[in-house]
Amino acid sequence: MLSAVTTQHVMAQPLLISITADGQVEGTSTIQRNGNVYTLTSNLEEGSIVIEASDIVLDGSGFTLGEIYRINGDNVEIKNLRINAEVNAIEIYGSGCKVLDNEIQAKYTGIRIRESDNNFISGNKIDTEAGVGIGFETSNNNEVTENNVNSKVFESVSLSYSDKNTFLKNTLNFVSLYKSSYNIFNENSLPQGISISSSSDYNQITGNNITDFNKLTDTYFGSSGSITLFSCKGNVISSNTITNSGGIFLDTSSNNVLRSNFVESAETGFEVSGSPQSSLSSFINDIDDSNTINGKKIYYLTNKTDLTVNPLTYPNAGYLALVNCKRITVENMQLNTQGIMLAFTTASQIKDNDISYNSGDGVTLTYSSDNRIDENNISKNRGVGIILSYSNQNDISGNQITKNQIGFSLIHSATNNTIAKNNIADQDTGFYLYMSSDNFIYNNNFVNNTKPVYDAYWETRENPFSYVLPSENIWDNGLLSEGNYWSHYPNQYPNAKELDGSGIWDMPLVIDENNQDRYPLVNPVTIPELPDGAGNNGTDETEPFPKALVVASVITIAVAGVALLVYFKKSKH
């Protein structure tokens, strides 16, 4: 039998070196002093330097150093070093320091700046294994330009409680801001994007490129490639280019300004959302149609009343949001990129639209009530056909809701909605429920869905500590002709018979202990078919546009002429 042999690597003790407050070098003769300039004359690969002096220059002359353990002095310049650090490469506690043209490799953090202001970091190449490339903690008014920073696990740049810093023309694989405001990121390459969160307000993110992030497959943050805002306000997001998936995502964030951003994404590339119990302010942002998604315009309408949205009034639409609007009619639109969202919107109607092939969801209602969604084609979306969240008393009828991942999703106390005479077909889940009760669901066709209905409560009903409550809805209208058609019914109830030629099965369809369709239909409900438009992301055969849309397009061309060509100019998502 072979015996196991364990070899333990013992890290060599670093050579402790200091440049004292009065300028003396202690611990080595390899650093030569000439006035306030200190020059490395050979490698100090195990050297750990503490700098107490101020107003000095440490020139590495291309030699290798283990780490600069701490810079306590002010106005210290570090340049031309190669640093291979077992933990952190450089820690700065003084202010007004410069870190120029160094090559830094660190097992943990490249440069850590703590309670330190007015530093200048430029021309460095920084690679870290398990920490942040450059980390700012309670540090302000620093400038970071033309660095190449890559971190394999955490951010290239992390700001925490740090304000008024400027980042210009760097390559930074991922950036995060936490409680950091008034910072500027301009003309950077950000392959994996930037996250702005937790009251990080009034930052400017302008002219950056977020591209090719999939090439960085060995990094933890390699799946985003986006600009994300969470719980923050007043940020300016302008003239950024995002390609190869990713996008711009605002969550519970208000009064942000978006201008001339170009997003090109095969996935969900633009979304505004609110966390549970959001207020209207979470959705109030200044987003105009200079922003594009896959070459189509983003229309973000707030506080509008008595308005008609159609291809004449809002051409080339890629995403449509109605926020705090009343009596809006959306008709004859072809939304085949990002779909439509209603937030805090009432008394509006979505009718005769093709909302298909969207990379995310088709129609989302959040905190929106007394609306109608009628006779739309809502098919082949990668997410959910229709989502109702905290939305009540909406009427949804006559729609083709087919071949989405999920047909309907009623979540977070969506109640008293009427869902009738819809085709709900060919989806993984026809109806998904999460704590949403007292909805009227009848005269729909549930056809060939892998799971006709699914309640999130089913996953947790055996868990005594779960807070998820069952959804209890009405699956008929109390009359013999007002149940739903279920294509799987004959297999579930092979002995059922038609009740006296009424078109009703003689056994109710039991969904769970809280829900049943008392009058399941023997035959499907007749619901008019709608044209199936093959949108940007479609791979199916191309169907003609809805008739009204063709007519509208002809009228538009005749009236607008050359001016329309300018209005339809290409723009990047």
Protein backbone atom coordinates (compact mmCIF):
# COMPACT_ATOMS: atom_id res chain seq x y z
CA MET A 1 0.00 0.00 0.00
CA LEU A 2 1.21 3.45 -0.93
CA SER A 3 1.22 5.93 1.92
CA ALA A 4 -0.01 9.46 1.33
CA VAL A 5 2.61 12.16 1.54
CA THR A 6 1.50 15.69 2.37
CA THR A 7 3.74 18.55 1.37
CA GLN A 8 3.05 21.90 2.96
CA HIS A 9 4.22 25.06 1.27
CA VAL A 10 5.77 27.41 3.77
CA MET A 11 5.67 31.02 2.62
CA ALA A 12 8.96 32.80 3.15
CA GLN A 13 8.92 35.58 5.73
CA PRO A 14 8.98 38.95 3.96
CA LEU A 15 11.97 41.25 4.27
CA LEU A 16 10.67 44.20 6.30
CA ILE A 17 11.75 47.53 4.86
CA SER A 18 10.76 51.03 5.84
CA ILE A 19 11.24 54.54 4.59
CA THR A 20 10.90 56.47 7.80
CA ALA A 21 9.24 59.83 8.32
CA ASP A 22 12.63 61.57 8.20
CA GLY A 23 13.49 59.83 4.89
CA GLN A 24 15.83 57.09 6.10
CA VAL A 25 15.79 53.65 4.44
CA GLU A 26 15.85 50.79 6.89
CA GLY A 27 16.10 47.05 6.20
CA THR A 28 17.86 47.03 2.81
CA SER A 29 20.67 48.61 0.79
CA THR A 30 18.88 47.85 -2.49
CA ILE A 31 16.96 51.14 -2.40
CA GLN A 32 19.20 54.09 -3.23
CA ARG A 33 18.25 57.60 -2.22
CA ASN A 34 18.92 60.78 -4.15
CA GLY A 35 17.15 63.65 -2.42
CA ASN A 36 13.49 62.76 -2.34
CA VAL A 37 13.82 60.09 -5.08
CA TYR A 38 14.29 56.46 -3.98
CA THR A 39 15.34 53.98 -6.68
CA LEU A 40 15.24 50.19 -6.61
CA THR A 41 18.55 48.77 -7.90
CA SER A 42 17.63 45.05 -7.91
CA ASN A 43 14.73 42.72 -7.19
CA LEU A 44 13.24 42.57 -3.71
CA GLU A 45 10.80 39.76 -4.39
CA GLU A 46 10.20 39.09 -0.71
CA GLY A 47 10.37 42.73 0.29
CA SER A 48 7.55 44.39 2.25
CA ILE A 49 7.83 48.18 2.44
CA VAL A 50 6.21 50.62 4.85
CA ILE A 51 6.45 54.25 3.75
CA GLU A 52 6.10 56.82 6.53
CA ALA A 53 7.74 59.68 4.62
CA SER A 54 5.82 62.27 2.60
CA ASP A 55 6.70 64.06 -0.65
CA ILE A 56 8.91 61.27 -2.05
CA VAL A 57 9.19 59.19 -5.23
CA LEU A 58 9.81 55.42 -5.23
CA ASP A 59 11.05 54.39 -8.69
CA GLY A 60 11.11 50.64 -9.24
CA SER A 61 13.14 50.89 -12.47
CA GLY A 62 11.37 47.73 -13.66
CA PHE A 63 12.50 45.58 -10.72
CA THR A 64 10.25 43.27 -8.70
CA LEU A 65 8.97 43.92 -5.19
CA GLY A 66 6.87 41.74 -2.90
CA GLU A 67 4.46 44.40 -1.61
CA ILE A 68 4.07 47.93 -0.40
CA TYR A 69 2.44 47.03 2.87
CA ARG A 70 1.39 50.52 3.75
CA ILE A 71 1.81 54.10 2.58
CA ASN A 72 1.16 56.42 5.51
CA GLY A 73 2.84 59.50 4.04
CA ASP A 74 1.20 62.06 1.76
CA ASN A 75 2.20 62.91 -1.80
CA VAL A 76 4.10 59.66 -2.32
CA GLU A 77 4.70 58.60 -5.93
CA ILE A 78 5.15 54.91 -6.79
CA LYS A 79 6.21 54.08 -10.34
CA ASN A 80 7.85 51.54 -12.65
CA LEU A 81 7.53 48.61 -10.23
CA ARG A 82 6.73 44.98 -10.79
CA ILE A 83 4.86 43.71 -7.73
CA ASN A 84 4.07 40.05 -7.05
CA ALA A 85 2.13 40.06 -3.80
CA GLU A 86 1.09 37.07 -1.73
CA VAL A 87 -1.77 39.11 -0.27
CA ASN A 88 -2.23 42.82 -1.11
CA ALA A 89 0.12 44.70 -3.42
CA ILE A 90 -0.28 48.33 -2.28
CA GLU A 91 -2.24 49.88 0.59
CA ILE A 92 -2.61 53.65 0.69
CA TYR A 93 -3.59 55.57 3.81
CA GLY A 94 -1.91 58.85 2.94
CA SER A 95 -3.41 61.32 0.47
CA GLY A 96 -2.25 62.98 -2.72
CA CYS A 97 -0.31 59.86 -3.78
CA LYS A 98 0.46 58.73 -7.32
CA VAL A 99 0.69 55.12 -8.56
CA LEU A 100 2.07 55.17 -12.10
CA ASP A 101 3.02 52.60 -14.74
CA ASN A 102 3.37 49.55 -12.51
CA GLU A 103 2.72 45.86 -13.24
CA ILE A 104 0.90 44.39 -10.27
CA GLN A 105 -0.07 40.80 -9.58
CA ALA A 106 -1.69 39.93 -6.26
CA LYS A 107 -3.22 36.84 -4.74
CA TYR A 108 -5.77 39.13 -3.11
CA THR A 109 -6.10 42.91 -3.69
CA GLY A 110 -4.07 45.04 -6.08
CA ILE A 111 -4.42 48.54 -4.61
CA ARG A 112 -6.43 49.29 -1.49
CA ILE A 113 -7.17 52.94 -0.70
CA ARG A 114 -8.56 53.65 2.76
CA GLU A 115 -9.69 57.07 3.99
CA SER A 116 -7.39 58.56 1.42
CA ASP A 117 -8.19 61.43 -0.95
CA ASN A 118 -6.80 63.13 -4.05
CA ASN A 119 -4.72 60.20 -5.31
CA PHE A 120 -3.84 59.64 -8.98
CA ILE A 121 -3.60 56.10 -10.40
CA SER A 122 -2.56 55.79 -14.02
CA GLY A 123 -0.96 53.45 -16.53
CA ASN A 124 -0.95 50.35 -14.33
CA LYS A 125 -1.61 46.76 -15.29
CA ILE A 126 -3.24 44.95 -12.37
CA ASP A 127 -4.25 41.29 -12.11
CA THR A 128 -5.71 39.80 -8.93
CA GLU A 129 -6.70 36.24 -8.09
CA ALA A 130 -9.16 36.43 -5.19
CA GLY A 131 -9.74 40.07 -4.35
CA VAL A 132 -10.48 43.50 -5.76
CA GLY A 133 -8.24 45.10 -8.35
CA ILE A 134 -8.54 48.62 -6.89
CA GLY A 135 -10.65 49.10 -3.77
CA PHE A 136 -11.75 52.50 -2.43
CA GLU A 137 -13.06 52.71 1.13
CA THR A 138 -14.26 56.11 2.35
CA SER A 139 -11.96 57.79 -0.15
CA ASN A 140 -12.83 60.83 -2.28
CA ASN A 141 -11.62 62.93 -5.18
CA ASN A 142 -9.31 60.28 -6.61
CA GLU A 143 -8.53 59.96 -10.34
CA VAL A 144 -7.99 56.65 -12.13
CA THR A 145 -6.97 56.82 -15.79
CA GLU A 146 -5.73 54.43 -18.49
CA ASN A 147 -5.26 51.37 -16.28
CA ASN A 148 -5.91 47.76 -17.25
CA VAL A 149 -7.40 45.99 -14.23
CA ASN A 150 -8.65 42.43 -14.17
CA SER A 151 -9.87 40.48 -11.15
CA LYS A 152 -10.78 36.83 -11.51
CA VAL A 153 -13.17 36.59 -8.58
CA PHE A 154 -14.26 40.06 -7.44
CA GLU A 155 -14.47 43.52 -8.94
CA SER A 156 -11.78 45.30 -10.88
CA VAL A 157 -12.87 48.43 -9.03
CA SER A 158 -14.94 48.60 -5.87
CA LEU A 159 -16.15 51.82 -4.27
CA SER A 160 -17.62 51.84 -0.79
CA TYR A 161 -18.64 55.12 0.86
CA SER A 162 -16.45 56.93 -1.68
CA ASP A 163 -17.51 60.05 -3.57
CA LYS A 164 -16.37 62.32 -6.40
CA ASN A 165 -13.86 59.93 -7.93
CA THR A 166 -13.12 59.96 -11.67
CA PHE A 167 -12.42 56.93 -13.89
CA LEU A 168 -11.31 57.69 -17.44
CA LYS A 169 -10.25 55.40 -20.30
CA ASN A 170 -9.58 52.31 -18.20
CA THR A 171 -10.22 48.66 -18.94
CA LEU A 172 -12.04 47.31 -15.88
CA ASN A 173 -13.68 43.92 -16.09
CA PHE A 174 -16.32 44.69 -13.44
CA VAL A 175 -17.11 47.71 -11.24
CA SER A 176 -19.33 48.08 -8.18
CA LEU A 177 -20.48 51.14 -6.24
CA TYR A 178 -21.95 50.86 -2.75
CA LYS A 179 -23.17 54.00 -1.01
CA SER A 180 -20.87 56.01 -3.29
CA SER A 181 -22.04 59.16 -5.07
CA TYR A 182 -20.98 61.84 -7.56
CA ASN A 183 -18.45 59.56 -9.24
CA ILE A 184 -17.64 59.76 -12.95
CA PHE A 185 -16.99 56.80 -15.28
CA ASN A 186 -16.19 58.04 -18.76
CA GLU A 187 -14.87 56.23 -21.86
CA ASN A 188 -13.95 53.03 -20.06
CA SER A 189 -14.04 49.49 -21.36
CA LEU A 190 -16.16 47.53 -18.89
CA PRO A 191 -16.51 44.00 -20.29
CA GLN A 192 -18.64 42.73 -17.41
CA GLY A 193 -20.40 45.95 -16.60
CA ILE A 194 -21.06 48.12 -13.57
CA SER A 195 -23.33 47.72 -10.55
CA ILE A 196 -24.60 50.82 -8.74
CA SER A 197 -26.46 50.10 -5.52
CA SER A 198 -27.65 51.16 -2.08
CA SER A 199 -27.96 54.94 -2.28
CA SER A 200 -25.14 55.40 -4.75
CA ASP A 201 -26.59 58.59 -6.21
CA TYR A 202 -25.77 61.22 -8.84
CA ASN A 203 -23.02 59.26 -10.56
CA GLN A 204 -22.23 59.80 -14.25
CA ILE A 205 -21.76 56.72 -16.42
CA THR A 206 -21.03 58.05 -19.89
CA GLY A 207 -19.44 56.85 -23.11
CA ASN A 208 -18.39 53.42 -21.82
CA ASN A 209 -18.17 50.19 -23.83
CA ILE A 210 -19.50 46.98 -22.34
CA THR A 211 -18.61 44.34 -24.88
CA ASP A 212 -17.19 40.86 -25.31
CA PHE A 213 -17.67 39.92 -21.66
CA ASN A 214 -18.18 36.27 -22.62
CA LYS A 215 -14.45 36.05 -23.35
CA LEU A 216 -13.74 36.37 -19.62
CA THR A 217 -15.12 32.95 -18.78
CA ASP A 218 -12.85 32.39 -15.78
CA THR A 219 -14.27 35.31 -13.81
CA TYR A 220 -17.05 35.22 -11.26
CA PHE A 221 -18.87 38.24 -12.67
CA GLY A 222 -18.76 37.03 -16.27
CA SER A 223 -22.53 36.59 -16.68
CA SER A 224 -23.75 40.18 -16.46
CA GLY A 225 -22.22 42.59 -18.96
CA SER A 226 -24.73 45.21 -17.83
CA ILE A 227 -25.33 48.53 -16.16
CA THR A 228 -27.48 47.79 -13.12
CA LEU A 229 -28.99 50.27 -10.69
CA PHE A 230 -30.55 49.15 -7.43
CA SER A 231 -32.03 51.46 -4.84
CA CYS A 232 -30.35 54.63 -6.07
CA LYS A 233 -31.32 57.92 -7.67
CA GLY A 234 -30.17 60.79 -9.85
CA ASN A 235 -27.58 58.88 -11.87
CA VAL A 236 -26.87 59.87 -15.47
CA ILE A 237 -26.44 56.91 -17.85
CA SER A 238 -25.52 58.28 -21.25
CA SER A 239 -23.96 57.27 -24.58
CA ASN A 240 -22.92 53.80 -23.43
CA THR A 241 -22.60 50.86 -25.81
CA ILE A 242 -23.61 47.40 -24.58
CA THR A 243 -23.31 44.42 -26.90
CA ASN A 244 -23.11 40.65 -26.65
CA SER A 245 -26.03 40.28 -24.23
CA GLY A 246 -26.27 42.26 -21.02
CA GLY A 247 -28.24 45.49 -20.88
CA ILE A 248 -29.46 48.29 -18.62
CA PHE A 249 -31.53 47.34 -15.57
CA LEU A 250 -33.13 49.69 -13.04
CA ASP A 251 -34.58 48.21 -9.87
CA THR A 252 -36.30 50.36 -7.25
CA SER A 253 -34.41 53.39 -8.54
CA SER A 254 -35.76 56.85 -9.28
CA ASN A 255 -35.02 60.07 -11.12
CA ASN A 256 -32.19 58.58 -13.13
CA VAL A 257 -31.51 60.01 -16.58
CA LEU A 258 -30.86 57.76 -19.58
CA ARG A 259 -29.77 59.22 -22.91
CA SER A 260 -28.42 57.77 -26.17
CA ASN A 261 -27.53 54.35 -24.85
CA PHE A 262 -27.09 51.62 -27.45
CA VAL A 263 -27.96 48.09 -26.32
CA GLU A 264 -27.70 45.06 -28.54
CA SER A 265 -28.64 41.86 -26.76
CA ALA A 266 -29.98 38.41 -27.48
CA GLU A 267 -31.24 38.28 -23.90
CA THR A 268 -33.28 40.74 -21.87
CA GLY A 269 -31.49 44.00 -22.58
CA PHE A 270 -33.59 46.62 -20.80
CA GLU A 271 -35.85 46.45 -17.77
CA VAL A 272 -37.25 48.72 -15.08
CA SER A 273 -38.67 47.01 -12.00
CA GLY A 274 -39.47 47.55 -8.35
CA SER A 275 -38.98 45.36 -5.34
CA PRO A 276 -42.04 44.24 -3.33
CA GLN A 277 -43.88 47.15 -1.71
CA SER A 278 -42.34 49.63 -4.15
CA SER A 279 -43.69 53.15 -4.38
CA LEU A 280 -44.40 55.05 -7.57
CA SER A 281 -41.11 56.94 -7.22
CA SER A 282 -39.26 53.68 -7.90
CA PHE A 283 -40.46 53.87 -11.50
CA ILE A 284 -40.13 57.60 -12.17
CA ASN A 285 -37.07 58.04 -14.39
CA ASP A 286 -36.17 60.32 -17.29
CA ILE A 287 -35.69 57.93 -20.21
CA ASP A 288 -36.21 59.21 -23.74
CA ASP A 289 -36.31 57.49 -27.11
CA SER A 290 -32.67 58.28 -27.90
CA ASN A 291 -32.04 54.99 -26.08
CA THR A 292 -32.32 51.91 -28.27
CA ILE A 293 -32.54 48.16 -27.87
CA ASN A 294 -31.46 46.13 -30.92
CA GLY A 295 -31.87 49.19 -33.10
CA LYS A 296 -35.40 49.95 -31.86
CA LYS A 297 -36.55 52.79 -29.65
CA ILE A 298 -37.24 52.63 -25.94
CA TYR A 299 -40.43 54.54 -25.14
CA TYR A 300 -40.73 55.27 -21.41
CA LEU A 301 -43.88 57.30 -20.86
CA THR A 302 -44.64 58.81 -17.45
CA ASN A 303 -47.64 60.77 -16.20
CA LYS A 304 -49.49 60.62 -19.53
CA THR A 305 -53.28 60.85 -19.87
CA ASP A 306 -55.68 60.21 -22.78
CA LEU A 307 -53.04 59.09 -25.25
CA THR A 308 -53.06 56.64 -28.16
CA VAL A 309 -49.91 54.61 -28.78
CA ASN A 310 -49.70 53.09 -32.27
CA PRO A 311 -47.10 52.75 -35.03
CA LEU A 312 -47.86 56.26 -36.27
CA THR A 313 -47.37 58.01 -32.94
CA TYR A 314 -44.56 55.79 -31.59
CA PRO A 315 -42.76 54.12 -34.50
CA ASN A 316 -39.99 51.51 -34.36
CA ALA A 317 -40.72 50.52 -30.76
CA GLY A 318 -38.47 48.04 -28.97
CA TYR A 319 -39.80 48.58 -25.45
CA LEU A 320 -42.82 50.41 -24.14
CA ALA A 321 -43.41 51.46 -20.52
CA LEU A 322 -46.47 53.28 -19.16
CA VAL A 323 -45.76 54.70 -15.71
CA ASN A 324 -48.45 56.50 -13.71
CA CYS A 325 -50.59 56.85 -16.81
CA LYS A 326 -54.38 56.94 -17.26
CA ARG A 327 -56.64 56.14 -20.19
CA ILE A 328 -53.89 55.09 -22.58
CA THR A 329 -54.74 52.95 -25.61
CA VAL A 330 -51.95 50.80 -27.06
CA GLU A 331 -53.05 49.29 -30.38
CA ASN A 332 -51.65 47.69 -33.51
CA MET A 333 -48.09 47.76 -32.18
CA GLN A 334 -45.53 45.12 -32.99
CA LEU A 335 -43.40 44.71 -29.86
CA ASN A 336 -40.95 41.94 -30.62
CA THR A 337 -37.87 42.98 -28.63
CA GLN A 338 -38.60 43.74 -24.95
CA GLY A 339 -42.38 43.87 -24.61
CA ILE A 340 -44.50 46.28 -22.56
CA MET A 341 -44.74 47.28 -18.89
CA LEU A 342 -47.50 49.08 -17.02
CA ALA A 343 -46.62 50.47 -13.59
CA PHE A 344 -49.14 52.38 -11.48
CA THR A 345 -51.24 52.74 -14.62
CA THR A 346 -55.05 52.59 -14.69
CA ALA A 347 -58.03 52.61 -17.06
CA SER A 348 -55.89 51.76 -20.08
CA GLN A 349 -56.27 49.24 -22.88
CA ILE A 350 -53.77 47.00 -24.65
CA LYS A 351 -55.47 45.63 -27.76
CA ASP A 352 -54.73 44.16 -31.20
CA ASN A 353 -50.97 44.08 -30.70
CA ASP A 354 -48.36 41.49 -31.63
CA ILE A 355 -46.22 41.02 -28.51
CA SER A 356 -44.13 38.03 -29.50
CA TYR A 357 -40.55 36.80 -29.68
CA ASN A 358 -39.46 39.08 -26.85
CA SER A 359 -36.26 38.07 -25.11
CA GLY A 360 -37.94 38.47 -21.72
CA ASP A 361 -41.63 38.81 -20.82
CA GLY A 362 -44.47 39.95 -23.04
CA VAL A 363 -46.76 42.12 -20.89
CA THR A 364 -46.02 43.11 -17.28
CA LEU A 365 -48.47 44.87 -14.99
CA THR A 366 -47.23 46.02 -11.60
CA TYR A 367 -49.40 48.08 -9.26
CA SER A 368 -51.78 48.60 -12.19
CA SER A 369 -55.54 48.19 -12.00
CA ASP A 370 -58.73 48.54 -14.06
CA ASN A 371 -56.96 47.90 -17.36
CA ARG A 372 -58.01 45.75 -20.31
CA ILE A 373 -55.76 43.43 -22.31
CA ASP A 374 -57.76 42.27 -25.32
CA GLU A 375 -57.10 40.26 -28.48
CA ASN A 376 -53.34 40.40 -28.53
CA ASN A 377 -50.95 37.80 -29.87
CA ILE A 378 -48.63 37.15 -26.91
CA SER A 379 -46.57 34.21 -28.06
CA LYS A 380 -43.09 32.75 -28.21
CA ASN A 381 -41.63 35.04 -25.57
CA ARG A 382 -38.68 33.63 -23.66
CA GLY A 383 -40.19 34.52 -20.31
CA VAL A 384 -43.82 34.96 -19.23
CA GLY A 385 -46.63 35.95 -21.57
CA ILE A 386 -48.51 38.12 -19.04
CA ILE A 387 -47.42 38.97 -15.48
CA LEU A 388 -49.70 40.56 -12.92
CA SER A 389 -48.00 41.75 -9.73
CA TYR A 390 -49.85 43.76 -7.07
CA SER A 391 -52.40 44.42 -9.81
CA ASN A 392 -56.17 44.14 -9.37
CA GLN A 393 -59.42 44.31 -11.30
CA ASN A 394 -57.88 43.95 -14.73
CA ASP A 395 -59.81 42.26 -17.55
CA ILE A 396 -57.82 39.96 -19.86
CA SER A 397 -59.67 38.31 -22.72
CA GLY A 398 -59.43 37.07 -26.29
CA ASN A 399 -55.65 36.73 -26.31
CA GLN A 400 -53.47 34.06 -27.91
CA ILE A 401 -50.98 33.20 -25.15
CA THR A 402 -48.94 30.38 -26.59
CA LYS A 403 -45.42 28.95 -26.67
CA ASN A 404 -44.03 31.17 -23.92
CA GLN A 405 -42.09 29.62 -21.08
CA ILE A 406 -45.02 30.51 -18.78
CA GLY A 407 -48.38 31.73 -20.02
CA PHE A 408 -49.72 33.69 -17.05
CA SER A 409 -47.97 34.61 -13.81
CA LEU A 410 -50.08 36.02 -10.98
CA ILE A 411 -47.81 37.02 -8.11
CA HIS A 412 -47.69 39.20 -5.01
CA SER A 413 -51.39 39.63 -4.26
CA ALA A 414 -52.72 39.98 -7.78
CA THR A 415 -56.46 39.73 -6.98
CA ASN A 416 -59.93 40.23 -8.46
CA ASN A 417 -58.72 40.00 -12.03
CA THR A 418 -60.92 38.44 -14.71
CA ILE A 419 -59.14 36.16 -17.17
CA ALA A 420 -61.54 34.73 -19.75
CA LYS A 421 -61.60 33.41 -23.32
CA ASN A 422 -57.84 33.15 -23.83
CA ASN A 423 -55.89 30.40 -25.55
CA ILE A 424 -53.23 29.28 -23.06
CA ALA A 425 -51.26 26.67 -24.95
CA ASP A 426 -47.96 24.89 -25.56
CA GLN A 427 -46.02 26.22 -22.58
CA ASP A 428 -43.99 24.70 -19.79
CA THR A 429 -46.47 26.21 -17.30
CA GLY A 430 -49.84 27.56 -18.34
CA PHE A 431 -50.63 29.39 -15.09
CA TYR A 432 -48.15 30.21 -12.32
CA LEU A 433 -49.46 31.44 -8.98
CA TYR A 434 -47.74 33.02 -5.99
CA MET A 435 -50.01 34.15 -3.15
CA SER A 436 -52.65 35.55 -5.50
CA SER A 437 -56.30 34.73 -4.80
CA ASP A 438 -59.88 35.66 -5.71
CA ASN A 439 -59.25 35.88 -9.45
CA PHE A 440 -61.94 34.76 -11.92
CA ILE A 441 -60.49 32.35 -14.49
CA TYR A 442 -62.99 30.81 -16.91
CA ASN A 443 -63.75 30.01 -20.56
CA ASN A 444 -60.03 29.66 -21.32
CA ASN A 445 -58.44 26.86 -23.32
CA PHE A 446 -55.58 25.14 -21.46
CA VAL A 447 -53.96 23.09 -24.21
CA ASN A 448 -50.74 21.05 -24.22
CA ASN A 449 -49.08 22.83 -21.32
CA THR A 450 -46.57 20.63 -19.48
CA LYS A 451 -48.00 21.94 -16.19
CA PRO A 452 -51.42 23.51 -16.75
CA VAL A 453 -51.33 25.21 -13.32
CA TYR A 454 -48.58 25.53 -10.74
CA ASP A 455 -48.80 27.16 -7.32
CA ALA A 456 -45.57 28.13 -5.53
CA TYR A 457 -47.26 27.03 -2.32
CA TRP A 458 -46.95 23.41 -3.45
CA GLU A 459 -43.19 23.56 -2.97
CA THR A 460 -43.46 24.65 0.67
CA ARG A 461 -46.71 23.15 1.99
CA GLU A 462 -44.79 20.58 4.05
CA ASN A 463 -42.56 23.24 5.57
CA PRO A 464 -44.09 24.53 8.84
CA PHE A 465 -41.85 27.62 8.73
CA SER A 466 -42.81 28.74 5.22
CA TYR A 467 -44.60 32.06 4.83
CA VAL A 468 -45.96 31.16 1.38
CA LEU A 469 -49.76 30.88 1.47
CA PRO A 470 -51.89 28.95 -1.03
CA SER A 471 -53.64 30.77 -3.85
CA GLU A 472 -57.42 30.25 -3.94
CA ASN A 473 -59.10 31.28 -7.18
CA ILE A 474 -62.43 30.77 -8.95
CA TRP A 475 -62.03 28.57 -12.04
CA ASP A 476 -65.54 28.97 -13.39
CA ASN A 477 -68.23 31.63 -13.35
CA GLY A 478 -70.78 29.65 -11.38
CA LEU A 479 -72.67 28.55 -14.51
CA LEU A 480 -72.62 25.26 -16.41
CA SER A 481 -71.08 26.89 -19.47
CA GLU A 482 -68.43 28.91 -17.69
CA GLY A 483 -65.60 26.54 -16.81
CA ASN A 484 -62.34 26.07 -18.78
CA TYR A 485 -61.26 23.59 -21.40
CA TRP A 486 -58.37 21.35 -20.27
CA SER A 487 -56.72 19.19 -22.93
CA HIS A 488 -55.36 16.80 -20.31
CA TYR A 489 -58.75 16.21 -18.70
CA PRO A 490 -59.60 12.90 -20.46
CA ASN A 491 -56.30 11.38 -19.33
CA GLN A 492 -56.76 12.55 -15.75
CA TYR A 493 -60.39 11.39 -15.61
CA PRO A 494 -60.73 8.46 -18.05
CA ASN A 495 -64.16 7.49 -16.67
CA ALA A 496 -65.70 10.95 -16.95
CA LYS A 497 -68.71 11.48 -19.20
CA GLU A 498 -70.42 14.48 -20.69
CA LEU A 499 -73.24 15.71 -18.47
CA ASP A 500 -76.53 15.33 -20.36
CA GLY A 501 -75.20 16.77 -23.62
CA SER A 502 -74.33 20.04 -21.88
CA GLY A 503 -70.72 20.24 -23.07
CA ILE A 504 -69.62 19.88 -19.42
CA TRP A 505 -67.79 16.90 -17.94
CA ASP A 506 -69.62 15.22 -15.10
CA MET A 507 -66.60 15.37 -12.76
CA PRO A 508 -64.89 18.61 -11.63
CA LEU A 509 -61.22 19.07 -12.44
CA VAL A 510 -59.35 19.22 -9.14
CA ILE A 511 -56.26 21.44 -9.25
CA ASP A 512 -55.47 21.12 -5.54
CA GLU A 513 -57.30 21.10 -2.22
CA ASN A 514 -58.07 24.82 -2.61
CA ASN A 515 -58.91 25.04 -6.31
CA GLN A 516 -61.14 23.20 -8.75
CA ASP A 517 -62.93 23.83 -11.99
CA ARG A 518 -66.47 22.68 -11.23
CA TYR A 519 -67.63 22.78 -14.85
CA PRO A 520 -64.73 21.72 -17.11
CA LEU A 521 -65.60 22.00 -20.78
CA VAL A 522 -65.69 19.04 -23.15
CA ASN A 523 -64.74 21.14 -26.18
CA PRO A 524 -62.47 24.15 -26.61
CA VAL A 525 -63.83 27.66 -26.49
CA THR A 526 -63.91 29.40 -29.86
CA ILE A 527 -61.34 32.19 -29.75
CA PRO A 528 -60.40 33.99 -32.98
CA GLU A 529 -56.87 33.32 -34.14
CA LEU A 530 -54.55 36.30 -34.44
CA PRO A 531 -51.69 36.91 -36.91
CA ASP A 532 -48.36 35.59 -35.65
CA GLY A 533 -45.64 38.14 -36.34
CA ALA A 534 -42.09 36.79 -36.40
CA GLY A 535 -40.17 39.41 -34.48
CA ASN A 536 -36.48 40.20 -34.22
CA ASN A 537 -35.71 37.07 -32.26
CA GLY A 538 -38.05 34.75 -34.12
CA THR A 539 -36.82 31.71 -35.97
CA ASP A 540 -40.24 30.58 -37.18
CA GLU A 541 -41.76 31.41 -40.51
CA THR A 542 -42.45 35.11 -40.98
CA GLU A 543 -46.13 36.00 -40.85
CA PRO A 544 -47.61 39.19 -42.30
CA PHE A 545 -48.01 42.20 -40.06
CA PRO A 546 -51.48 42.81 -38.62
CA LYS A 547 -53.66 44.43 -41.25
CA ALA A 548 -54.03 47.66 -39.31
CA LEU A 549 -50.28 47.93 -38.97
CA VAL A 550 -49.80 47.56 -42.72
CA VAL A 551 -52.36 50.29 -43.38
CA ALA A 552 -50.73 52.54 -40.80
CA SER A 553 -47.32 52.02 -42.34
CA VAL A 554 -48.59 52.92 -45.84
CA ILE A 555 -50.25 56.10 -44.56
CA THR A 556 -47.12 57.04 -42.63
CA ILE A 557 -44.89 56.69 -45.69
CA ALA A 558 -47.27 58.67 -47.86
CA VAL A 559 -47.56 61.53 -45.38
CA ALA A 560 -44.11 61.73 -43.90
CA GLY A 561 -41.93 60.96 -46.91
CA VAL A 562 -38.28 61.75 -46.53
CA ALA A 563 -38.73 63.15 -43.03
CA LEU A 564 -39.79 59.72 -41.84
CA LEU A 565 -36.49 58.25 -42.98
CA VAL A 566 -34.74 60.59 -40.59
CA TYR A 567 -37.14 59.71 -37.80
CA PHE A 568 -36.47 56.01 -38.38
CA LYS A 569 -32.69 56.43 -38.36
CA LYS A 570 -30.73 53.50 -37.02
CA SER A 571 -29.66 53.60 -33.43
CA LYS A 572 -27.88 51.08 -31.31
CA HIS A 573 -29.60 49.35 -28.37
